[in-house]
Protein backbone atom coordinates (compact mmCIF):
# COMPACT_ATOMS: atom_id res chain seq x y z
CA MET A 1 -0.80 -24.09 19.33
CA LYS A 2 -4.30 -22.79 18.45
CA GLN A 3 -4.75 -21.10 21.86
CA ILE A 4 -1.43 -19.14 21.32
CA ILE A 5 -2.53 -18.04 17.77
CA LEU A 6 -5.97 -17.01 19.26
CA SER A 7 -4.37 -15.03 21.94
CA ILE A 8 -2.09 -13.12 19.47
CA ILE A 9 -5.04 -12.50 17.08
CA ALA A 10 -7.27 -11.19 19.93
CA ILE A 11 -4.57 -8.71 20.87
CA ALA A 12 -4.40 -7.58 17.24
CA ALA A 13 -8.16 -7.24 17.20
CA PHE A 14 -7.95 -4.79 20.14
CA THR A 15 -5.27 -2.72 18.41
CA LEU A 16 -7.18 -2.69 15.07
CA ASN A 17 -10.53 -1.66 16.75
CA LEU A 18 -9.63 2.06 15.97
CA THR A 19 -10.81 1.51 12.47
CA ALA A 20 -13.79 -0.65 13.15
CA GLN A 21 -17.11 1.37 13.02
CA GLU A 22 -19.62 -1.34 13.26
CA THR A 23 -22.17 -1.48 16.21
CA ILE A 24 -21.09 -3.61 19.18
CA SER A 25 -22.49 -7.14 18.64
CA GLU A 26 -24.44 -9.13 21.08
CA ILE A 27 -22.44 -11.40 23.49
CA LYS A 28 -23.41 -15.04 23.65
CA LEU A 29 -21.83 -17.65 25.78
CA SER A 30 -22.37 -21.44 25.76
CA ASN A 31 -20.39 -24.57 26.52
CA SER A 32 -20.67 -25.87 22.92
CA SER A 33 -19.92 -22.76 20.93
CA PRO A 34 -18.71 -19.81 23.10
CA ASP A 35 -18.42 -16.32 21.46
CA VAL A 36 -16.12 -13.64 22.87
CA ILE A 37 -16.97 -10.26 21.57
CA LEU A 38 -14.13 -7.62 21.38
CA ASN A 39 -16.19 -4.56 20.71
CA SER A 40 -17.05 -4.92 16.95
CA ASP A 41 -14.31 -7.44 16.45
CA THR A 42 -15.30 -11.04 17.35
CA VAL A 43 -13.56 -14.19 18.42
CA ASN A 44 -15.80 -17.14 17.71
CA GLN A 45 -14.48 -20.52 18.83
CA GLN A 46 -16.39 -23.69 17.67
CA LYS A 47 -15.15 -26.74 19.43
CA THR A 48 -17.19 -29.14 17.54
CA GLN A 49 -15.28 -28.08 14.22
CA ASP A 50 -12.09 -27.20 16.15
CA THR A 51 -12.28 -23.84 14.40
CA ALA A 52 -11.89 -20.32 15.68
CA ILE A 53 -13.05 -17.08 13.85
CA VAL A 54 -11.71 -13.63 14.67
CA ARG A 55 -13.60 -10.78 13.10
CA ILE A 56 -11.56 -7.59 12.62
CA GLY A 57 -13.76 -4.86 11.10
CA LYS A 58 -14.98 -6.24 7.86
CA LYS A 59 -12.60 -9.30 7.62
CA ASP A 60 -12.65 -12.80 9.12
CA VAL A 61 -9.47 -14.48 10.30
CA ARG A 62 -10.17 -18.23 10.78
CA VAL A 63 -7.85 -20.58 12.70
CA ILE A 64 -8.49 -24.19 11.88
CA ASP A 65 -6.79 -26.94 13.93
CA HIS A 66 -6.78 -30.36 12.23
CA ASP A 67 -4.56 -33.45 11.85
CA GLY A 68 -2.39 -31.71 9.31
CA GLY A 69 -1.55 -28.86 11.66
CA THR A 70 -2.94 -25.40 12.22
CA GLU A 71 -4.36 -23.44 9.26
CA ILE A 72 -4.99 -19.65 9.01
CA LEU A 73 -7.42 -18.26 6.53
CA TRP A 74 -8.06 -14.52 5.86
CA GLY A 75 -11.17 -13.26 4.08
CA ARG A 76 -14.17 -10.92 3.93
CA ASN A 77 -16.52 -11.02 7.12
CA LYS A 78 -19.57 -12.72 5.80
CA HIS A 79 -21.37 -11.81 9.11
CA HIS A 80 -20.91 -8.06 8.49
CA GLU A 81 -24.33 -6.63 7.87
CA VAL A 82 -24.68 -4.04 5.35
CA ASP A 83 -27.96 -2.05 4.82
CA PRO A 84 -28.67 -2.57 1.10
CA ASN A 85 -30.47 0.84 0.99
CA LYS A 86 -27.55 2.80 2.44
CA PHE A 87 -25.04 4.61 0.11
CA LYS A 88 -21.52 3.23 0.53
CA GLY A 89 -18.82 5.25 -1.20
CA HIS A 90 -15.20 4.33 -2.01
CA TRP A 91 -12.36 6.15 -0.22
CA GLU A 92 -11.12 4.04 2.69
CA GLY A 93 -8.21 1.76 1.94
CA ILE A 94 -4.61 1.87 0.63
CA GLU A 95 -3.28 3.43 -2.62
CA PHE A 96 -0.19 3.17 -4.65
CA GLY A 97 0.83 5.62 -7.35
CA PHE A 98 3.54 7.09 -9.44
CA ASN A 99 4.46 10.85 -9.02
CA ALA A 100 5.45 13.24 -11.75
CA PHE A 101 5.53 17.04 -12.53
CA ASP A 102 3.57 18.70 -15.26
CA LYS A 103 4.99 21.73 -17.00
CA PRO A 104 8.30 22.21 -15.05
CA ASP A 105 9.72 25.77 -15.10
CA TYR A 106 13.27 26.39 -13.88
CA SER A 107 13.65 29.86 -15.54
CA MET A 108 14.64 31.44 -12.24
CA TYR A 109 17.66 29.29 -11.94
CA ASN A 110 21.00 29.14 -13.79
CA ALA A 111 20.99 27.07 -17.12
CA SER A 112 23.64 24.92 -15.78
CA ASP A 113 21.21 23.72 -12.97
CA LYS A 114 18.23 23.23 -15.28
CA ASP A 115 16.02 20.11 -14.45
CA PHE A 116 17.60 19.59 -11.09
CA MET A 117 14.48 18.12 -9.79
CA SER A 118 13.96 15.84 -12.90
CA LEU A 119 12.42 12.61 -11.51
CA ASN A 120 13.29 8.93 -11.73
CA GLN A 121 9.63 8.07 -12.59
CA GLY A 122 9.88 4.36 -11.68
CA LYS A 123 10.97 5.16 -8.18
CA SER A 124 8.92 8.40 -7.47
CA LEU A 125 6.10 6.69 -5.56
CA GLU A 126 3.14 7.71 -3.52
CA ILE A 127 1.62 5.47 -0.85
CA ASP A 128 -1.70 6.69 0.76
CA PHE A 129 -3.47 5.20 3.83
CA ASN A 130 -7.08 6.36 3.80
CA PHE A 131 -8.18 5.41 7.28
CA TYR A 132 -11.58 7.05 7.70
CA GLU A 133 -14.64 7.39 5.35
CA LEU A 134 -17.84 9.43 5.60
CA ASN A 135 -20.76 8.90 3.24
CA ILE A 136 -23.91 10.94 2.59
CA GLY A 137 -26.55 9.46 0.27
CA LEU A 138 -28.07 11.79 -2.23
CA CYS A 139 -30.21 9.56 -4.41
CA LYS A 140 -31.18 6.11 -3.00
CA ASN A 141 -27.83 4.16 -2.62
CA TYR A 142 -26.50 4.96 -6.21
CA ILE A 143 -25.37 8.59 -5.79
CA GLY A 144 -23.74 10.31 -2.78
CA LEU A 145 -21.02 12.43 -1.33
CA VAL A 146 -17.82 10.87 0.03
CA SER A 147 -15.42 12.46 2.54
CA GLY A 148 -13.03 11.18 5.16
CA MET A 149 -9.38 11.41 6.16
CA GLY A 150 -6.07 9.87 4.92
CA LEU A 151 -2.38 10.16 5.04
CA SER A 152 -0.22 10.56 1.83
CA PHE A 153 3.43 9.67 1.72
CA ASN A 154 5.07 11.15 -1.48
CA ASN A 155 8.61 10.38 -2.58
CA TYR A 156 10.18 12.33 -5.44
CA ARG A 157 13.29 10.47 -6.49
CA PHE A 158 15.75 12.72 -8.36
CA GLU A 159 17.21 11.49 -11.55
CA ASN A 160 20.23 13.85 -11.33
CA SER A 161 22.87 14.21 -8.80
CA TYR A 162 21.29 17.04 -6.90
CA THR A 163 19.68 17.78 -3.56
CA LEU A 164 17.88 20.86 -2.17
CA GLN A 165 18.71 23.46 0.49
CA LYS A 166 16.68 26.37 1.80
CA GLY A 167 18.53 29.57 0.86
CA GLN A 168 17.93 32.93 2.16
CA PHE A 169 15.33 33.90 -0.46
CA MET A 170 14.46 30.71 -2.19
CA THR A 171 15.11 26.97 -2.46
CA GLU A 172 18.47 26.33 -4.05
CA PRO A 173 19.91 23.17 -5.86
CA VAL A 174 23.06 21.59 -4.41
CA SER A 175 25.14 19.56 -6.80
CA LEU A 176 26.34 16.23 -5.50
CA ASN A 177 29.28 14.09 -6.22
CA PRO A 178 27.77 11.24 -8.47
CA ASP A 179 30.48 8.72 -7.28
CA ASN A 180 28.78 6.00 -5.16
CA LEU A 181 25.51 8.14 -4.91
CA SER A 182 22.71 5.56 -4.57
CA LYS A 183 19.78 7.84 -3.64
CA THR A 184 18.79 11.47 -3.58
CA LYS A 185 15.04 12.41 -3.09
CA LEU A 186 12.48 14.68 -1.52
CA ALA A 187 9.88 13.08 0.80
CA ILE A 188 6.63 14.96 1.71
CA THR A 189 3.73 13.67 4.03
CA TYR A 190 0.22 15.14 3.99
CA LEU A 191 -2.90 14.74 5.88
CA ASN A 192 -5.79 14.66 3.35
CA VAL A 193 -9.55 15.41 3.32
CA PRO A 194 -11.52 14.66 0.26
CA LEU A 195 -14.92 15.78 -1.00
CA LEU A 196 -16.05 13.53 -3.72
CA LEU A 197 -19.28 13.09 -5.71
CA GLU A 198 -19.83 9.35 -6.61
CA PHE A 199 -22.07 7.61 -8.97
CA GLN A 200 -22.59 3.74 -8.84
CA VAL A 201 -24.00 1.39 -11.50
CA PRO A 202 -25.12 -2.14 -10.56
CA VAL A 203 -23.36 -4.86 -12.67
CA ASN A 204 -24.23 -8.59 -13.34
CA HIS A 205 -27.62 -8.55 -11.34
CA ASN A 206 -26.05 -6.32 -8.60
CA GLU A 207 -23.29 -8.78 -7.76
CA GLY A 208 -20.92 -5.83 -7.88
CA ARG A 209 -20.98 -2.12 -8.79
CA LEU A 210 -19.10 -0.10 -11.14
CA PHE A 211 -18.39 3.34 -9.63
CA VAL A 212 -17.12 6.73 -10.75
CA ASN A 213 -16.22 9.56 -8.47
CA ALA A 214 -14.53 12.87 -8.74
CA GLY A 215 -13.84 16.01 -6.67
CA ILE A 216 -11.23 17.84 -4.58
CA ILE A 217 -8.60 16.63 -2.14
CA GLY A 218 -7.33 19.11 0.32
CA GLY A 219 -4.16 18.41 2.16
CA VAL A 220 -1.95 19.92 4.90
CA LYS A 221 1.82 19.30 4.89
CA ILE A 222 2.81 17.58 8.26
CA GLY A 223 6.42 16.62 7.36
CA SER A 224 9.02 16.83 4.65
CA HIS A 225 12.73 16.03 4.22
CA THR A 226 15.45 15.37 1.65
CA LYS A 227 17.46 12.22 1.86
CA VAL A 228 20.94 11.65 0.30
CA LYS A 229 22.49 8.21 0.50
CA TYR A 230 26.06 7.31 -0.24
CA GLY A 231 26.57 3.57 0.30
CA ASP A 232 25.48 2.92 3.87
CA LYS A 233 25.69 6.59 4.87
CA LYS A 234 22.42 8.52 4.82
CA ASP A 235 21.93 12.27 5.37
CA LYS A 236 18.46 13.91 5.94
CA ASP A 237 17.55 17.62 5.87
CA ARG A 238 14.26 18.74 7.35
CA SER A 239 14.62 22.47 6.53
CA GLY A 240 11.09 22.87 4.96
CA PHE A 241 12.52 24.01 1.50
CA ASN A 242 9.68 26.69 1.05
CA LEU A 243 7.13 24.00 0.08
CA ASN A 244 3.50 25.09 0.19
CA ALA A 245 1.92 24.12 3.55
CA PHE A 246 -1.39 23.35 1.87
CA LYS A 247 -2.40 21.72 -1.33
CA TYR A 248 -5.50 21.22 -3.26
CA GLU A 249 -5.84 18.64 -6.08
CA ALA A 250 -8.49 17.49 -8.45
CA THR A 251 -9.12 13.68 -8.43
CA ALA A 252 -11.06 11.26 -10.73
CA ARG A 253 -11.48 7.60 -9.96
CA ILE A 254 -13.17 4.67 -11.71
CA GLY A 255 -13.41 1.08 -10.27
CA TYR A 256 -15.35 -2.03 -9.57
CA LYS A 257 -16.00 -3.65 -6.26
CA ASP A 258 -12.94 -2.98 -4.14
CA ILE A 259 -10.40 -1.88 -6.81
CA CYS A 260 -10.08 1.38 -8.67
CA LEU A 261 -7.74 3.45 -10.76
CA PHE A 262 -7.27 7.07 -9.92
CA ALA A 263 -5.58 10.17 -11.15
CA ASN A 264 -4.75 13.23 -8.96
CA TYR A 265 -3.71 16.64 -10.40
CA SER A 266 -2.51 19.37 -8.17
CA LEU A 267 -4.22 22.86 -8.43
CA THR A 268 -1.49 24.32 -6.32
CA PRO A 269 2.29 24.45 -7.08
CA LEU A 270 4.70 22.38 -5.07
CA PHE A 271 6.72 25.48 -3.89
CA GLN A 272 5.57 28.83 -2.61
CA SER A 273 5.48 31.49 -5.35
CA GLY A 274 8.92 32.88 -6.35
CA LYS A 275 10.72 30.62 -3.79
CA GLY A 276 11.22 27.52 -5.90
CA PRO A 277 10.82 25.85 -9.33
CA GLU A 278 7.33 26.04 -10.81
CA LEU A 279 6.20 22.40 -10.52
CA THR A 280 2.79 20.94 -10.66
CA PRO A 281 2.52 17.43 -9.16
CA PHE A 282 0.23 14.77 -10.44
CA THR A 283 -0.09 11.11 -9.45
CA ILE A 284 -1.57 8.00 -11.36
CA GLY A 285 -2.16 4.82 -9.36
CA ILE A 286 -4.37 2.11 -8.07
CA SER A 287 -6.54 1.82 -4.85
CA PHE A 288 -7.32 -1.41 -2.93
CA LEU A 289 -10.46 -0.38 -0.90
CA ASN A 290 -11.70 -1.58 2.35
């Protein structure tokens, strides 16, 4: 049973190796405690304890075989060596947030269509996968610049029974039949690159660090669509809707160890000038950092 689990985890280690940036470890083989190194991800099988350890990036997966069965434990990689004098910023990880619009202006539309992009706040969500991080220390290991890359998936769930269509001159609202309408939304995907200045303060004898960073996130739109759902029937439109191809947003973040709260405020409108309602997106959320 344990060998099957080890095989599956070894394959997973290969596939997840794209995000591992650690230096390739030394390979050691012995009859009592053989180590098999998969680049920076390690499978460590200890026959005396009947335990196997798979190291994926900065995490350990332990497979323990005992009389009660097979147990799988997931946790931080204690063998991951971190230079204490090297600045380590906070960007890489996964984020969840709520989207909203600031100062919406529908003055270029008929009064009957006012607020056609009004949002259902509880279901207008953003999910970010920040998969690459670059750090530049400026003052010891407490102050530095943080950059990287990430993917942002934004959902704007409409509260009213409208969808969008790309007209000849501008984006136009389309009224929908509210009967049996279960979902209508706009979804946008961005590739993001941040530039952040971060300050860190040791807490509790350097057990963890309180950090604050702020800066700019630039994004390029790589996909968008509307989605209308009636019961089991779904309809998607990928017409582009005169959305701005690029976005720039100010961001501020505060956190401790591997968790932080963030707020992003767009410095560019959602739509091209004169081709859609004047909407300024902003997002408030939480990050779980790698």
